[in-house]
Each structure stands twice: as C-alpha cells, then as structure tokens.
Amino acid sequence: MLLSVGIVLFSLIIGNLIMAGGIIRITETQLGQRLMTTARTVATIPNVQKSIQEPDGWKVIQPTANSLRVVNDVTYIVVLNRERVRYSDPLDERIGTVFMDPAVDEAYAEHSYFQKVKGEMGTALRAYVPIMDDQHQQVGVVLVGRVMPDVWGILYTERNNIALTFFLSLLFGVWGSYQLARHMKKQMLDLEPDEIARILVERTATFHAMHEGVIAIDNRERITIFNDRAKQIFGIEGEVLGKHIRSVLHDTRLPEVLELRQNFTNTEIHVGNTLLWSNRFLIKVEEKVVGAIAIFQDRTEVARMAEELTGVKEFVGALRVQNHEHMNHLHTIAGLLQLHQHEKALAYLFEVNEQQEELTSFLTTRIMDENLSGLLIGKVSRGRELGIRVVIDRRSHLESFPPYMDHHNFVLILGNLIENAFDSLERIEHADKEIMISIEQDEEICSILVEDNGIGMDEETRRRMLERGFSTKERAHRGLGLHLVQQLVNKGGGELVCHSARGEGASFLITFPMGEEESHGEG
C-alpha cells in the first residue's frame, strides 16, 4: 500500500512539473498575442501614422503611447520612424535617439512578429508591427514589449488552480491505488508479495523433488511446469518453460484434456519403449479452465517385474501339471508291470517319451526362446490334464521379437490368450475340445494366432472385451487379461483382430510390424 501511495505522489510531482511548463507556455502565448494586438492598435492610429512623418510628431505620439501602455499593461511602447529615430519611449530622454538593435530589421521589411529578448530590464517579450500610411507605404515601426514574470511569479499567479488540481489528483490517485491494491490482493488470496514469493519457491522445489513427472500447460498449450523427473522420463534437456507443449513432446496427450474438457485418471501411455501411468486433470480457477496438468509415473520396471512374475507363475503351473502328468504315467506303467504286461508297459513308455521328445525338439528348433517354449510345453500338458487338445501349428517359427517387445511381453500375451481359451472350453460340454496356436514371422510382420472351439462371445462381450475390469466370469481380479494384452499390442505398434460368435469359439490374431519406424509410429 505504501508503495502505491509513493508511486502516486511521484506521478503527481512529475505531472505538476509538466503542468507548470504548460502554464508557462500558455502564459507566453497569451502575452505575445496581447502585445501583438497592442502594437497593431498603435500602428493603425491615424495621428500616429501622420505624426511619425513630422519632425516634432513625438509630441503627439509620446502621450498616446504612454496612455496605451498603461491601459494595455505593457512595459514599454517604442515608435520608430523610417530612420529608426524614437518618437516614443518609456524614458523621455531617449526620444530623438536612434534605435540600434538589429532585432527590428525584419519589421522594416513589412513583417509582423514577436520574439523573446534579454534587455536592460530583464527578459522581455516584444511584438514588432510596421506602420503603413494611406498609400500603404511603410513609414515606421511599433515595438511593444513586456518584461516576462519569473517562473515562480507565474506559478504564484496560478497557485489556486495548481493546488486544486494537486489535491483532486492526490485524492483520486490514493483512492484508486487503494482499490487496485485491494483487488489485486483479493486475486492473490490475500497473500503479501513475500508470501507469494515464498510459496512459489516452495512449490517449485516440491515439484522438482517429486518422484513423479509433472507437466502443466496453460490455455494456449504453453508449458508452465516441467519438473526434473519429467525431463528424465522424456529425455528432455534445457529450459522448456514457455514453449509450446507440442513442439517439445508430441505424445503426452495433455492437450486433449483441454480439447475434450475432461479428466483422465489411471491410464497407461507408451512413449517409445517406456510405459507410463498417467493422471491428467483440468486446472480450474473459480470454475474457469486455465490450463491442464499431468502426473506421470514410469511403470516400465514395475510392468517388467509383473510380466516376469507372470512368466514364473506360468512355469510353476507348467511344472505342477507335468509333475501330475508324470505321476499318472508312472501309475499306468506300474499297473501294467503288476499285471505282468511288460511289453505293453515298455511300449507305453516309448510312446510317452516319443511324444514329449517330439514336442520339445520341435519347439527348440522352431521357437528361438526357451521362455516361450517352456510356456507352450506347460500349456500342452495342462490341456491334457483338462481334456483339451492343445495343437501347435508345425509351421510356427520365431527367430526374433518385434521392436519394443521381448519374451516377457510374448509370455504375457500368449499366456492370457491360452488361459482365456481354457476358460471358454471349460464352460461347454463336448468331447472334441481343441486350442490351435500359431506363431509365424517374416521380414515384415510377426503374427500370433490362438483359436478355440469353445463357448465364443456375443456381440456385446466382443465389443467390451478389452475394457479394463470387464469380464463374463464372476470371480475377483478378472477383466485384466485382454486389457493388458491390448496395452502390449499398442506398445509394439501391433493390431489385435478377434472373430467370435456365440457357440462357435473365438479366434485372436495379433500382428506386429518388424520395422522399427512403423512400430514406433504406432506406439
């Protein structure tokens, strides 16, 4: 508040100095016009025009000039003839003497003008007017002058107006500054400038200390917050505040919050090879949208651990199934031996061993990843346990993973699709239950196909199958499998196509581009 009053007072002082200068200029202009009027009046008096041409004409002109000098409040009136001889002057002893000042030269060229000069009596303003006779011939010059009052004299004369102007300006200036300061303080939540500065410093330090990435933009999509963690996540260097968000990052999906005027919570975003967990909100001040803010968590390592855990879980399940299956084989062989069916027991052993070796050899040769091979072996064994025939297409082969994908991702994708097929087949009653799996790859694409002849899906289920939390099975923690599969498909820039109908089974085909640019563009 004191600062506002000080600024008002300073402004008033400057304003009054400017006003004083204006008053001085106006005073000079008005005085010059009055002097010029007086000079023209003297020059047009017939007695003056006639007497100026007579040797003793000063006897008529001097009294007339003195009278007009008093009436018009001028300091002096000097009348000169053609030879510059004075016919009137404030000092009588100068009458008849020659006026030597060259400033009068232009007046003898029939020019009327006024000028400021320094004379014996001080700085004066003079008006020069030529005297013309009846034949429009110049016969002399009238010089009317008035000593200028000093600056303080002029200001003293206008003291009342200056004081009134100063008082009213001060009154309304202080009142206006008070109202402005009050309004600004209200807008700043009644905080003082030092409090605002402290909060800003604390807020900035807090944002940079957060483990999550924080990015905020205003209504023009200009960056207002970009903390250090966000720079680490997105690999940004240097200062970005004030820049357009789209020129810094093209895939934060933050501008769409402003475009759609809605919040997005708990959503996954793939940026390059990084999996982010994002919450994006509108920033509102008094119900008016002023920007948007996004909070990012790097979930890459968490997701990788979850996928690893999923893979371990699949292997544990496969080992359990294989253990159970081997126990059944041993019981069969033991029973045949007890029945003294030695040849049948030996043939059965060879048959089981041949089947297992054929599958293991095929997967080892055609699938160049032991994690995926182990998963498929386990699923084949689990299928036998459930009475479901799991067939792996003998044309399948995999030499390398698509860009941005690895064995964790493929284990999670295949594991979920096959488990969904098991669930579908468990809910129908017919003897020929089958799941067909195919993995193929060439220079352009890599495809995964999982088909079953299970219960299938109706139109609504197929439309909503990728929604997080949607499931047709009434068990806890369901509805995540296909949602995670879709997230991984997006990560690899792939495409998921499903064909299914009620009672006709389901077919899931996933294709990934093998070119890095294509994959990155989709992700």
Protein backbone atom coordinates (compact mmCIF):
# COMPACT_ATOMS: atom_id res chain seq x y z
CA MET A 1 0.00 0.00 0.00
CA LEU A 2 2.80 2.44 0.91
CA LEU A 3 4.50 1.66 -2.38
CA SER A 4 1.28 2.52 -4.24
CA VAL A 5 0.96 5.86 -2.42
CA GLY A 6 4.62 6.65 -3.11
CA ILE A 7 4.13 5.94 -6.81
CA VAL A 8 1.04 8.18 -6.85
CA LEU A 9 2.92 11.04 -5.17
CA PHE A 10 5.85 10.70 -7.56
CA SER A 11 3.46 10.70 -10.52
CA LEU A 12 1.73 13.80 -9.16
CA ILE A 13 5.02 15.66 -8.82
CA ILE A 14 6.02 14.80 -12.37
CA GLY A 15 2.53 15.69 -13.59
CA ASN A 16 2.59 19.07 -11.84
CA LEU A 17 6.01 19.89 -13.27
CA ILE A 18 4.67 19.16 -16.73
CA MET A 19 1.57 21.23 -15.95
CA ALA A 20 3.76 24.15 -14.76
CA GLY A 21 5.66 24.03 -18.03
CA GLY A 22 2.36 24.09 -19.89
CA ILE A 23 1.16 27.10 -17.87
CA ILE A 24 4.38 29.00 -18.70
CA ARG A 25 3.98 28.25 -22.40
CA ILE A 26 0.31 29.28 -22.37
CA THR A 27 1.20 32.50 -20.50
CA GLU A 28 3.86 33.36 -23.06
CA THR A 29 1.48 32.68 -25.95
CA GLN A 30 -1.31 34.78 -24.46
CA LEU A 31 1.11 37.60 -23.65
CA GLY A 32 2.53 37.53 -27.17
CA GLN A 33 -0.94 37.77 -28.67
CA ARG A 34 -1.80 40.71 -26.37
CA LEU A 35 1.41 42.52 -27.29
CA MET A 36 0.79 41.97 -30.97
CA THR A 37 -2.76 43.33 -30.63
CA THR A 38 -1.48 46.41 -28.80
CA ALA A 39 1.23 47.01 -31.42
CA ARG A 40 -1.28 46.78 -34.27
CA THR A 41 -3.61 49.14 -32.45
CA VAL A 42 -0.84 51.77 -32.17
CA ALA A 43 0.19 51.23 -35.80
CA THR A 44 -3.34 51.87 -37.09
CA ILE A 45 -3.99 55.13 -35.15
CA PRO A 46 -4.24 57.93 -37.79
CA ASN A 47 -2.47 60.50 -35.58
CA VAL A 48 0.45 58.12 -35.19
CA GLN A 49 0.62 57.40 -38.91
CA LYS A 50 0.59 61.20 -39.64
CA SER A 51 2.81 62.44 -36.81
CA ILE A 52 5.56 59.85 -37.47
CA GLN A 53 6.33 61.73 -40.68
CA GLU A 54 6.76 65.13 -38.94
CA PRO A 55 9.93 66.26 -37.08
CA ASP A 56 8.03 67.16 -33.90
CA GLY A 57 5.48 64.39 -34.20
CA TRP A 58 6.80 62.85 -30.98
CA LYS A 59 4.76 65.46 -29.10
CA VAL A 60 1.59 63.67 -30.25
CA ILE A 61 2.89 60.10 -30.27
CA GLN A 62 4.58 60.04 -26.82
CA PRO A 63 1.39 60.87 -24.83
CA THR A 64 -0.67 58.48 -26.92
CA ALA A 65 1.85 55.66 -26.42
CA ASN A 66 2.03 56.27 -22.65
CA SER A 67 -1.75 56.12 -22.38
CA LEU A 68 -1.97 52.89 -24.33
CA ARG A 69 0.94 51.42 -22.31
CA VAL A 70 -0.95 51.93 -19.07
CA VAL A 71 -4.28 50.76 -20.46
CA ASN A 72 -2.84 47.57 -22.01
CA ASP A 73 -0.47 46.80 -19.09
CA VAL A 74 2.72 46.65 -21.14
CA THR A 75 6.20 47.65 -20.06
CA TYR A 76 7.04 49.90 -22.98
CA ILE A 77 5.85 51.11 -26.37
CA VAL A 78 8.53 52.36 -28.75
CA VAL A 79 7.59 54.07 -32.04
CA LEU A 80 10.32 54.44 -34.66
CA ASN A 81 10.30 56.37 -37.94
CA ARG A 82 11.96 55.23 -41.17
CA GLU A 83 15.39 56.29 -39.87
CA ARG A 84 14.84 54.32 -36.61
CA VAL A 85 14.55 57.52 -34.57
CA ARG A 86 12.48 57.09 -31.40
CA TYR A 87 9.17 59.04 -31.35
CA SER A 88 8.10 57.37 -28.10
CA ASP A 89 9.94 55.58 -25.29
CA PRO A 90 9.35 54.85 -21.58
CA LEU A 91 12.34 57.15 -20.89
CA ASP A 92 11.77 60.68 -22.18
CA GLU A 93 15.49 61.38 -22.62
CA ARG A 94 15.71 58.68 -25.29
CA ILE A 95 13.22 60.39 -27.59
CA GLY A 96 15.01 61.53 -30.74
CA THR A 97 17.78 58.94 -30.41
CA VAL A 98 18.38 56.12 -32.88
CA PHE A 99 17.27 52.54 -32.03
CA MET A 100 20.32 50.36 -32.84
CA ASP A 101 19.01 46.87 -32.01
CA PRO A 102 19.19 44.67 -35.21
CA ALA A 103 16.19 42.66 -33.98
CA VAL A 104 13.97 45.30 -35.60
CA ASP A 105 15.37 44.77 -39.10
CA GLU A 106 12.65 42.37 -40.24
CA ALA A 107 9.94 44.84 -39.16
CA TYR A 108 11.30 47.34 -41.71
CA ALA A 109 10.66 44.66 -44.35
CA GLU A 110 6.92 44.91 -43.55
CA HIS A 111 6.90 41.79 -41.32
CA SER A 112 4.92 41.47 -38.09
CA TYR A 113 6.38 39.14 -35.45
CA PHE A 114 7.28 38.77 -31.80
CA GLN A 115 10.33 37.39 -30.04
CA LYS A 116 11.88 36.89 -26.62
CA VAL A 117 14.91 39.07 -25.89
CA LYS A 118 17.11 39.99 -22.96
CA GLY A 119 17.18 43.70 -22.34
CA GLU A 120 18.18 46.17 -19.65
CA MET A 121 15.01 45.45 -17.68
CA GLY A 122 15.29 41.66 -17.94
CA THR A 123 13.88 39.02 -20.28
CA ALA A 124 11.07 40.54 -22.27
CA LEU A 125 8.65 39.53 -24.97
CA ARG A 126 8.41 42.00 -27.86
CA ALA A 127 5.95 42.46 -30.71
CA TYR A 128 7.08 44.24 -33.87
CA VAL A 129 4.49 45.74 -36.30
CA PRO A 130 5.22 48.03 -39.31
CA ILE A 131 3.36 51.39 -39.58
CA MET A 132 1.81 51.96 -43.02
CA ASP A 133 0.41 55.29 -44.37
CA ASP A 134 -2.69 55.81 -46.51
CA GLN A 135 -0.75 54.87 -49.66
CA HIS A 136 0.35 51.57 -47.98
CA GLN A 137 3.91 52.81 -47.74
CA GLN A 138 5.88 51.92 -44.61
CA VAL A 139 6.62 55.00 -42.52
CA GLY A 140 7.80 53.40 -39.27
CA VAL A 141 7.69 50.56 -36.78
CA VAL A 142 5.87 49.99 -33.49
CA LEU A 143 7.69 47.93 -30.87
CA VAL A 144 5.63 46.83 -27.83
CA GLY A 145 7.31 44.92 -25.05
CA ARG A 146 6.60 43.48 -21.65
CA VAL A 147 9.05 42.13 -19.13
CA MET A 148 8.30 38.43 -18.53
CA PRO A 149 7.47 37.43 -14.95
CA ASP A 150 9.75 34.75 -13.50
CA VAL A 151 8.63 31.11 -13.17
CA TRP A 152 7.72 31.45 -9.52
CA GLY A 153 5.72 34.51 -10.31
CA ILE A 154 3.70 32.68 -12.94
CA LEU A 155 3.16 29.70 -10.61
CA TYR A 156 2.18 32.03 -7.79
CA THR A 157 -0.42 33.59 -10.02
CA GLU A 158 -1.85 30.13 -10.81
CA ARG A 159 -1.42 28.80 -7.28
CA ASN A 160 -5.11 28.22 -6.66
CA ASN A 161 -5.61 26.18 -9.82
CA ILE A 162 -2.42 24.20 -9.19
CA ALA A 163 -3.38 23.47 -5.57
CA LEU A 164 -6.88 22.34 -6.54
CA THR A 165 -5.56 20.10 -9.32
CA PHE A 166 -2.92 18.61 -7.00
CA PHE A 167 -5.45 17.93 -4.24
CA LEU A 168 -8.02 16.26 -6.52
CA SER A 169 -5.34 14.21 -8.29
CA LEU A 170 -3.90 13.08 -4.94
CA LEU A 171 -7.35 12.21 -3.58
CA PHE A 172 -8.44 10.13 -6.54
CA GLY A 173 -4.96 8.67 -7.06
CA VAL A 174 -4.72 7.39 -3.48
CA TRP A 175 -8.30 6.10 -3.60
CA GLY A 176 -7.67 4.37 -6.95
CA SER A 177 -4.39 2.84 -5.80
CA TYR A 178 -6.09 1.57 -2.65
CA GLN A 179 -8.89 -0.06 -4.66
CA LEU A 180 -6.40 -1.56 -7.12
CA ALA A 181 -4.20 -2.92 -4.32
CA ARG A 182 -7.26 -4.34 -2.58
CA HIS A 183 -8.46 -6.03 -5.77
CA MET A 184 -5.01 -7.45 -6.53
CA LYS A 185 -4.64 -8.79 -3.02
CA LYS A 186 -8.03 -10.46 -3.26
CA GLN A 187 -7.00 -12.04 -6.56
CA MET A 188 -3.84 -13.32 -4.84
CA LEU A 189 -5.82 -14.91 -1.98
CA ASP A 190 -4.95 -12.10 0.48
CA LEU A 191 -1.27 -13.00 0.31
CA GLU A 192 1.53 -10.49 0.63
CA PRO A 193 4.25 -10.35 -2.07
CA ASP A 194 6.83 -12.01 0.21
CA GLU A 195 4.36 -14.81 0.97
CA ILE A 196 3.68 -15.33 -2.75
CA ALA A 197 7.43 -15.46 -3.45
CA ARG A 198 7.94 -17.99 -0.65
CA ILE A 199 5.08 -20.18 -1.89
CA LEU A 200 6.43 -20.05 -5.44
CA VAL A 201 9.90 -21.12 -4.28
CA GLU A 202 8.43 -23.91 -2.12
CA ARG A 203 6.15 -25.10 -4.91
CA THR A 204 9.00 -25.16 -7.43
CA ALA A 205 11.24 -27.08 -5.02
CA THR A 206 8.40 -29.52 -4.27
CA PHE A 207 7.72 -30.22 -7.93
CA HIS A 208 11.40 -30.87 -8.64
CA ALA A 209 11.70 -33.15 -5.59
CA MET A 210 8.77 -35.36 -6.63
CA HIS A 211 9.45 -38.87 -7.87
CA GLU A 212 6.64 -38.48 -10.42
CA GLY A 213 6.95 -36.40 -13.56
CA VAL A 214 4.76 -33.27 -13.53
CA ILE A 215 3.88 -31.22 -16.62
CA ALA A 216 1.40 -28.33 -16.71
CA ILE A 217 0.25 -26.14 -19.59
CA ASP A 218 -1.93 -23.04 -19.88
CA ASN A 219 -4.89 -22.45 -22.20
CA ARG A 220 -2.54 -21.68 -25.10
CA GLU A 221 -0.75 -25.02 -24.54
CA ARG A 222 2.37 -23.22 -23.27
CA ILE A 223 4.41 -25.12 -20.67
CA THR A 224 4.16 -23.64 -17.16
CA ILE A 225 5.58 -26.57 -15.16
CA PHE A 226 8.09 -29.21 -16.28
CA ASN A 227 9.89 -30.75 -13.33
CA ASP A 228 13.23 -32.57 -13.33
CA ARG A 229 11.65 -36.02 -13.10
CA ALA A 230 9.56 -35.32 -16.22
CA LYS A 231 12.74 -34.30 -18.06
CA GLN A 232 14.36 -37.60 -17.03
CA ILE A 233 11.35 -39.66 -18.14
CA PHE A 234 11.07 -38.00 -21.54
CA GLY A 235 14.78 -37.37 -22.08
CA ILE A 236 14.42 -33.58 -22.27
CA GLU A 237 17.35 -31.22 -21.65
CA GLY A 238 17.46 -27.47 -21.17
CA GLU A 239 14.75 -24.95 -20.24
CA VAL A 240 11.32 -25.57 -21.77
CA LEU A 241 9.07 -23.23 -19.77
CA GLY A 242 7.01 -21.02 -22.05
CA LYS A 243 7.42 -23.29 -25.06
CA HIS A 244 4.51 -24.95 -26.87
CA ILE A 245 3.94 -28.45 -25.49
CA ARG A 246 3.57 -29.97 -28.98
CA SER A 247 6.98 -28.62 -30.00
CA VAL A 248 8.62 -30.32 -27.01
CA LEU A 249 6.60 -33.56 -26.73
CA HIS A 250 4.13 -34.85 -29.29
CA ASP A 251 2.71 -37.79 -27.35
CA THR A 252 1.92 -36.62 -23.79
CA ARG A 253 -1.81 -36.49 -24.63
CA LEU A 254 -2.03 -33.45 -22.36
CA PRO A 255 -3.59 -31.05 -24.91
CA GLU A 256 -6.54 -33.43 -25.37
CA VAL A 257 -7.54 -32.68 -21.77
CA LEU A 258 -8.13 -29.06 -22.83
CA GLU A 259 -9.79 -30.08 -26.09
CA LEU A 260 -12.22 -32.55 -24.51
CA ARG A 261 -12.65 -30.61 -21.24
CA GLN A 262 -12.41 -33.77 -19.13
CA ASN A 263 -10.01 -35.54 -16.77
CA PHE A 264 -8.24 -38.83 -17.47
CA THR A 265 -7.17 -40.96 -14.50
CA ASN A 266 -5.15 -44.15 -14.17
CA THR A 267 -4.36 -44.52 -17.87
CA GLU A 268 -1.35 -46.19 -19.43
CA ILE A 269 0.68 -44.40 -22.09
CA HIS A 270 3.52 -45.90 -24.10
CA VAL A 271 6.16 -43.34 -25.05
CA GLY A 272 8.80 -45.08 -27.10
CA ASN A 273 9.86 -48.07 -25.04
CA THR A 274 8.63 -46.55 -21.78
CA LEU A 275 5.38 -47.49 -20.08
CA LEU A 276 3.86 -44.56 -18.18
CA TRP A 277 0.98 -44.45 -15.73
CA SER A 278 -0.76 -41.13 -16.25
CA ASN A 279 -3.28 -38.94 -14.45
CA ARG A 280 -4.34 -35.79 -16.33
CA PHE A 281 -6.57 -33.09 -14.89
CA LEU A 282 -8.03 -29.73 -15.85
CA ILE A 283 -6.82 -26.73 -13.84
CA LYS A 284 -9.74 -24.52 -12.84
CA VAL A 285 -9.87 -21.15 -11.09
CA GLU A 286 -13.38 -20.19 -10.00
CA GLU A 287 -14.85 -22.78 -12.41
CA LYS A 288 -12.89 -21.30 -15.32
CA VAL A 289 -10.43 -23.61 -17.07
CA VAL A 290 -6.98 -22.01 -17.10
CA GLY A 291 -4.85 -24.99 -18.08
CA ALA A 292 -4.13 -28.69 -17.58
CA ILE A 293 -1.69 -30.75 -15.53
CA ALA A 294 -0.38 -34.29 -15.97
CA ILE A 295 1.34 -36.53 -13.43
CA PHE A 296 3.41 -39.38 -14.90
CA GLN A 297 4.87 -42.44 -13.23
CA ASP A 298 7.41 -44.58 -15.03
CA ARG A 299 5.93 -48.06 -14.74
CA THR A 300 8.39 -49.76 -17.07
CA GLU A 301 10.28 -51.59 -14.33
CA VAL A 302 7.10 -52.38 -12.40
CA ALA A 303 5.49 -53.77 -15.54
CA ARG A 304 8.61 -55.76 -16.33
CA MET A 305 8.58 -57.27 -12.83
CA ALA A 306 4.89 -58.08 -13.17
CA GLU A 307 5.50 -59.74 -16.51
CA GLU A 308 8.43 -61.64 -15.04
CA LEU A 309 6.22 -62.76 -12.17
CA THR A 310 3.57 -63.83 -14.68
CA GLY A 311 6.16 -65.86 -16.55
CA VAL A 312 7.37 -67.51 -13.33
CA LYS A 313 3.78 -68.26 -12.39
CA GLU A 314 3.25 -69.93 -15.78
CA PHE A 315 6.38 -72.06 -15.36
CA VAL A 316 5.37 -73.10 -11.85
CA GLY A 317 1.97 -74.10 -13.20
CA ALA A 318 3.63 -76.00 -16.04
CA LEU A 319 5.88 -77.87 -13.61
CA ARG A 320 2.89 -78.76 -11.45
CA VAL A 321 0.99 -80.08 -14.46
CA GLN A 322 3.99 -82.01 -15.72
CA ASN A 323 4.55 -83.49 -12.29
CA HIS A 324 0.92 -84.58 -12.15
CA GLU A 325 1.11 -85.95 -15.69
CA HIS A 326 4.30 -87.90 -14.95
CA MET A 327 2.73 -89.36 -11.82
CA ASN A 328 -0.17 -90.59 -13.96
CA HIS A 329 2.28 -92.13 -16.45
CA LEU A 330 4.18 -93.83 -13.63
CA HIS A 331 0.97 -95.19 -12.14
CA THR A 332 -0.01 -96.58 -15.56
CA ILE A 333 3.37 -98.21 -16.08
CA ALA A 334 3.36 -99.58 -12.52
CA GLY A 335 -0.09 -101.08 -13.07
CA LEU A 336 0.94 -102.74 -16.33
CA LEU A 337 4.01 -104.20 -14.64
CA GLN A 338 1.93 -105.57 -11.78
CA LEU A 339 -0.30 -107.23 -14.38
CA HIS A 340 2.86 -108.71 -15.93
CA GLN A 341 2.21 -106.76 -19.15
CA HIS A 342 5.85 -105.95 -19.61
CA GLU A 343 5.72 -105.40 -23.35
CA LYS A 344 2.74 -103.04 -23.09
CA ALA A 345 4.41 -101.14 -20.28
CA LEU A 346 7.55 -100.72 -22.38
CA ALA A 347 5.56 -99.67 -25.45
CA TYR A 348 3.60 -97.15 -23.39
CA LEU A 349 6.85 -95.72 -22.00
CA PHE A 350 8.32 -95.37 -25.51
CA GLU A 351 5.12 -93.69 -26.74
CA VAL A 352 5.07 -91.13 -23.94
CA ASN A 353 8.75 -90.40 -24.30
CA GLU A 354 8.45 -90.04 -28.09
CA GLN A 355 5.57 -87.56 -27.80
CA GLN A 356 7.43 -85.44 -25.29
CA GLU A 357 10.70 -85.52 -27.22
CA GLU A 358 8.94 -84.65 -30.50
CA LEU A 359 7.27 -81.58 -28.96
CA THR A 360 10.43 -80.50 -27.16
CA SER A 361 12.56 -80.93 -30.27
CA PHE A 362 10.09 -79.02 -32.43
CA LEU A 363 9.86 -76.04 -30.05
CA THR A 364 13.60 -75.95 -29.51
CA THR A 365 14.21 -75.89 -33.26
CA ARG A 366 11.44 -73.51 -34.33
CA ILE A 367 10.99 -71.17 -31.34
CA MET A 368 14.25 -69.41 -30.52
CA ASP A 369 13.31 -68.50 -26.95
CA GLU A 370 13.31 -71.03 -24.13
CA ASN A 371 10.86 -68.96 -22.03
CA LEU A 372 8.23 -69.14 -24.74
CA SER A 373 8.98 -72.80 -25.45
CA GLY A 374 8.59 -73.64 -21.76
CA LEU A 375 5.26 -71.81 -21.66
CA LEU A 376 3.92 -73.74 -24.65
CA ILE A 377 5.07 -77.10 -23.23
CA GLY A 378 3.33 -76.27 -19.98
CA LYS A 379 0.10 -75.28 -21.74
CA VAL A 380 0.10 -78.51 -23.79
CA SER A 381 0.48 -80.51 -20.57
CA ARG A 382 -2.23 -78.50 -18.82
CA GLY A 383 -4.51 -79.13 -21.80
CA ARG A 384 -4.06 -82.87 -21.44
CA GLU A 385 -4.94 -82.57 -17.75
CA LEU A 386 -8.15 -80.68 -18.61
CA GLY A 387 -9.07 -82.94 -21.50
CA ILE A 388 -8.30 -80.22 -24.04
CA ARG A 389 -6.13 -80.86 -27.08
CA VAL A 390 -3.59 -78.06 -27.50
CA VAL A 391 -2.20 -78.07 -31.03
CA ILE A 392 0.84 -76.04 -32.03
CA ASP A 393 0.99 -75.34 -35.76
CA ARG A 394 4.08 -77.12 -37.12
CA ARG A 395 4.69 -74.19 -39.48
CA SER A 396 5.27 -71.93 -36.47
CA HIS A 397 8.65 -70.29 -36.04
CA LEU A 398 10.10 -67.30 -34.20
CA GLU A 399 13.63 -66.04 -34.65
CA SER A 400 13.47 -62.61 -33.02
CA PHE A 401 10.98 -60.36 -31.26
CA PRO A 402 9.43 -57.25 -32.86
CA PRO A 403 10.82 -53.83 -31.85
CA TYR A 404 9.94 -52.73 -28.31
CA MET A 405 8.85 -56.30 -27.43
CA ASP A 406 10.63 -59.09 -25.52
CA HIS A 407 9.98 -62.57 -24.14
CA HIS A 408 8.16 -61.09 -21.10
CA ASN A 409 5.62 -59.46 -23.39
CA PHE A 410 5.10 -62.59 -25.52
CA VAL A 411 4.73 -64.82 -22.44
CA LEU A 412 2.08 -62.47 -21.07
CA ILE A 413 0.21 -62.25 -24.40
CA LEU A 414 0.20 -66.00 -25.15
CA GLY A 415 -0.43 -66.95 -21.53
CA ASN A 416 -3.55 -64.76 -21.31
CA LEU A 417 -4.97 -65.80 -24.68
CA ILE A 418 -4.50 -69.53 -23.94
CA GLU A 419 -5.95 -69.22 -20.43
CA ASN A 420 -9.00 -67.44 -21.87
CA ALA A 421 -9.37 -70.34 -24.32
CA PHE A 422 -9.18 -72.85 -21.42
CA ASP A 423 -11.90 -70.89 -19.56
CA SER A 424 -14.07 -70.89 -22.67
CA LEU A 425 -13.70 -74.63 -23.22
CA GLU A 426 -14.35 -75.48 -19.55
CA ARG A 427 -17.86 -73.99 -19.87
CA ILE A 428 -19.03 -76.27 -22.70
CA GLU A 429 -19.75 -79.99 -22.85
CA HIS A 430 -18.44 -81.78 -25.93
CA ALA A 431 -15.72 -84.35 -26.46
CA ASP A 432 -13.56 -82.62 -29.06
CA LYS A 433 -12.13 -79.61 -27.21
CA GLU A 434 -9.24 -78.02 -29.08
CA ILE A 435 -6.95 -74.98 -28.99
CA MET A 436 -4.78 -74.18 -32.00
CA ILE A 437 -1.69 -71.96 -31.58
CA SER A 438 0.40 -70.49 -34.36
CA ILE A 439 3.42 -68.14 -34.23
CA GLU A 440 4.80 -67.01 -37.60
CA GLN A 441 7.32 -64.44 -38.68
CA ASP A 442 8.86 -62.96 -41.81
CA GLU A 443 10.82 -59.79 -42.62
CA GLU A 444 7.73 -57.56 -42.40
CA ILE A 445 5.44 -58.90 -39.69
CA CYS A 446 5.24 -61.26 -36.73
CA SER A 447 1.85 -62.86 -36.01
CA ILE A 448 0.31 -64.76 -33.11
CA LEU A 449 -2.88 -66.77 -33.65
CA VAL A 450 -4.86 -68.51 -30.88
CA GLU A 451 -8.13 -70.25 -31.83
CA ASP A 452 -10.51 -72.39 -29.80
CA ASN A 453 -13.85 -74.14 -30.36
CA GLY A 454 -15.25 -73.04 -27.02
CA ILE A 455 -18.33 -71.13 -25.96
CA GLY A 456 -17.49 -67.99 -28.02
CA MET A 457 -18.68 -64.43 -27.40
CA ASP A 458 -21.79 -62.49 -28.22
CA GLU A 459 -21.60 -59.07 -29.87
CA GLU A 460 -21.63 -57.02 -26.63
CA THR A 461 -18.96 -59.19 -24.99
CA ARG A 462 -16.74 -58.93 -28.08
CA ARG A 463 -17.23 -55.16 -28.16
CA ARG A 464 -16.29 -54.71 -24.48
CA MET A 465 -13.69 -57.47 -24.09
CA LEU A 466 -10.74 -55.03 -24.00
CA GLU A 467 -12.24 -52.80 -21.28
CA ARG A 468 -10.32 -52.80 -18.02
CA GLY A 469 -12.30 -54.78 -15.41
CA PHE A 470 -14.88 -56.22 -17.82
CA SER A 471 -15.35 -59.99 -17.50
CA THR A 472 -18.08 -62.60 -18.03
CA LYS A 473 -16.66 -64.66 -15.13
CA GLU A 474 -17.90 -63.80 -11.65
CA ARG A 475 -14.56 -64.03 -9.89
CA ALA A 476 -12.38 -61.41 -8.24
CA HIS A 477 -9.49 -59.82 -10.11
CA ARG A 478 -10.90 -60.67 -13.53
CA GLY A 479 -11.17 -58.48 -16.63
CA LEU A 480 -7.47 -57.59 -16.75
CA GLY A 481 -6.01 -60.18 -19.14
CA LEU A 482 -7.21 -58.87 -22.50
CA HIS A 483 -6.78 -55.28 -21.33
CA LEU A 484 -3.09 -55.99 -20.63
CA VAL A 485 -2.79 -57.80 -23.95
CA GLN A 486 -4.14 -54.73 -25.75
CA GLN A 487 -1.69 -52.49 -23.89
CA LEU A 488 1.21 -54.67 -25.03
CA VAL A 489 -0.11 -54.73 -28.59
CA ASN A 490 -0.16 -50.92 -28.54
CA LYS A 491 3.36 -50.89 -27.13
CA GLY A 492 4.64 -52.91 -30.10
CA GLY A 493 2.60 -50.90 -32.61
CA GLY A 494 0.61 -54.02 -33.46
CA GLU A 495 -3.00 -54.84 -34.21
CA LEU A 496 -5.42 -57.25 -32.50
CA VAL A 497 -8.30 -58.76 -34.51
CA CYS A 498 -10.92 -61.00 -32.92
CA HIS A 499 -13.54 -63.17 -34.66
CA SER A 500 -16.10 -64.88 -32.46
CA ALA A 501 -19.74 -65.81 -32.22
CA ARG A 502 -21.79 -67.43 -29.52
CA GLY A 503 -21.26 -71.21 -29.60
CA GLU A 504 -18.66 -71.04 -32.39
CA GLY A 505 -15.46 -70.44 -30.45
CA ALA A 506 -13.08 -67.49 -30.79
CA SER A 507 -10.07 -66.54 -32.87
CA PHE A 508 -7.48 -63.95 -31.79
CA LEU A 509 -4.96 -62.76 -34.38
CA ILE A 510 -2.22 -60.32 -33.33
CA THR A 511 0.24 -58.87 -35.84
CA PHE A 512 3.33 -56.77 -35.10
CA PRO A 513 5.41 -54.85 -37.66
CA MET A 514 9.03 -55.90 -37.71
CA GLY A 515 10.20 -52.47 -38.90
CA GLU A 516 11.26 -50.21 -36.01
CA GLU A 517 9.89 -46.99 -37.57
CA GLU A 518 6.43 -48.49 -38.11
CA SER A 519 6.31 -49.88 -34.62
CA HIS A 520 7.44 -46.61 -33.06
CA GLY A 521 4.90 -44.65 -35.06
CA GLU A 522 2.05 -46.73 -33.70
CA GLY A 523 3.23 -46.67 -30.12
